[in-house]
Amino acid sequence: MGIQLSKNSRRLYGLNLSRGLGDKFLKDEDLGLSAEPYVGPVVTCSASEGGLLLIASDGLWDVADFATVARVLCQSLRASGGDLVDGARAVLAHALKHRTKDDVSIVLARVLPEAEWEARSPPRSFSSGPIFGDP
């Protein structure tokens, strides 16, 4: 679904990206506009191991595949002692070095192993009482 834009085009039918995602009229007319994102392969990790979660815009994925991003990220994390900001910056630098033509948004989060999460999180109990401190 969708259509290919010309090389220097930044808009489809004059719409910027945020309008393009929600323009019902153009979607109903089946003119090539789609609000369905591409979702790559889903990789899971076990609750006992933890891992990393990387969410990035197409400005990254247009110039790098999963294996390359994983390699760049792992190298940076090893060199920086696991600093996620340095890891995200290294991935961004890779996209810029390879002349991405789109903006790049990166969210990088550490997924803690279940045991570590439980150790850091105080036990919580919920009652049927008031919420948010209401009397």
Foldseek 3Di string as FASTA:
>chain_A
DADDDPPPDQDDVPDHDVCLLPVVVVVVVVPRGDNDDDDDDDDDDDLQPWFKDKDKDVLLVVQDPPVVLVVQLVVQCVVVVRDVVSSVVSSVVSSVVSPRPDDMDMDMDTTDRNVVVPVPDDDDDDDPDDPPPDD
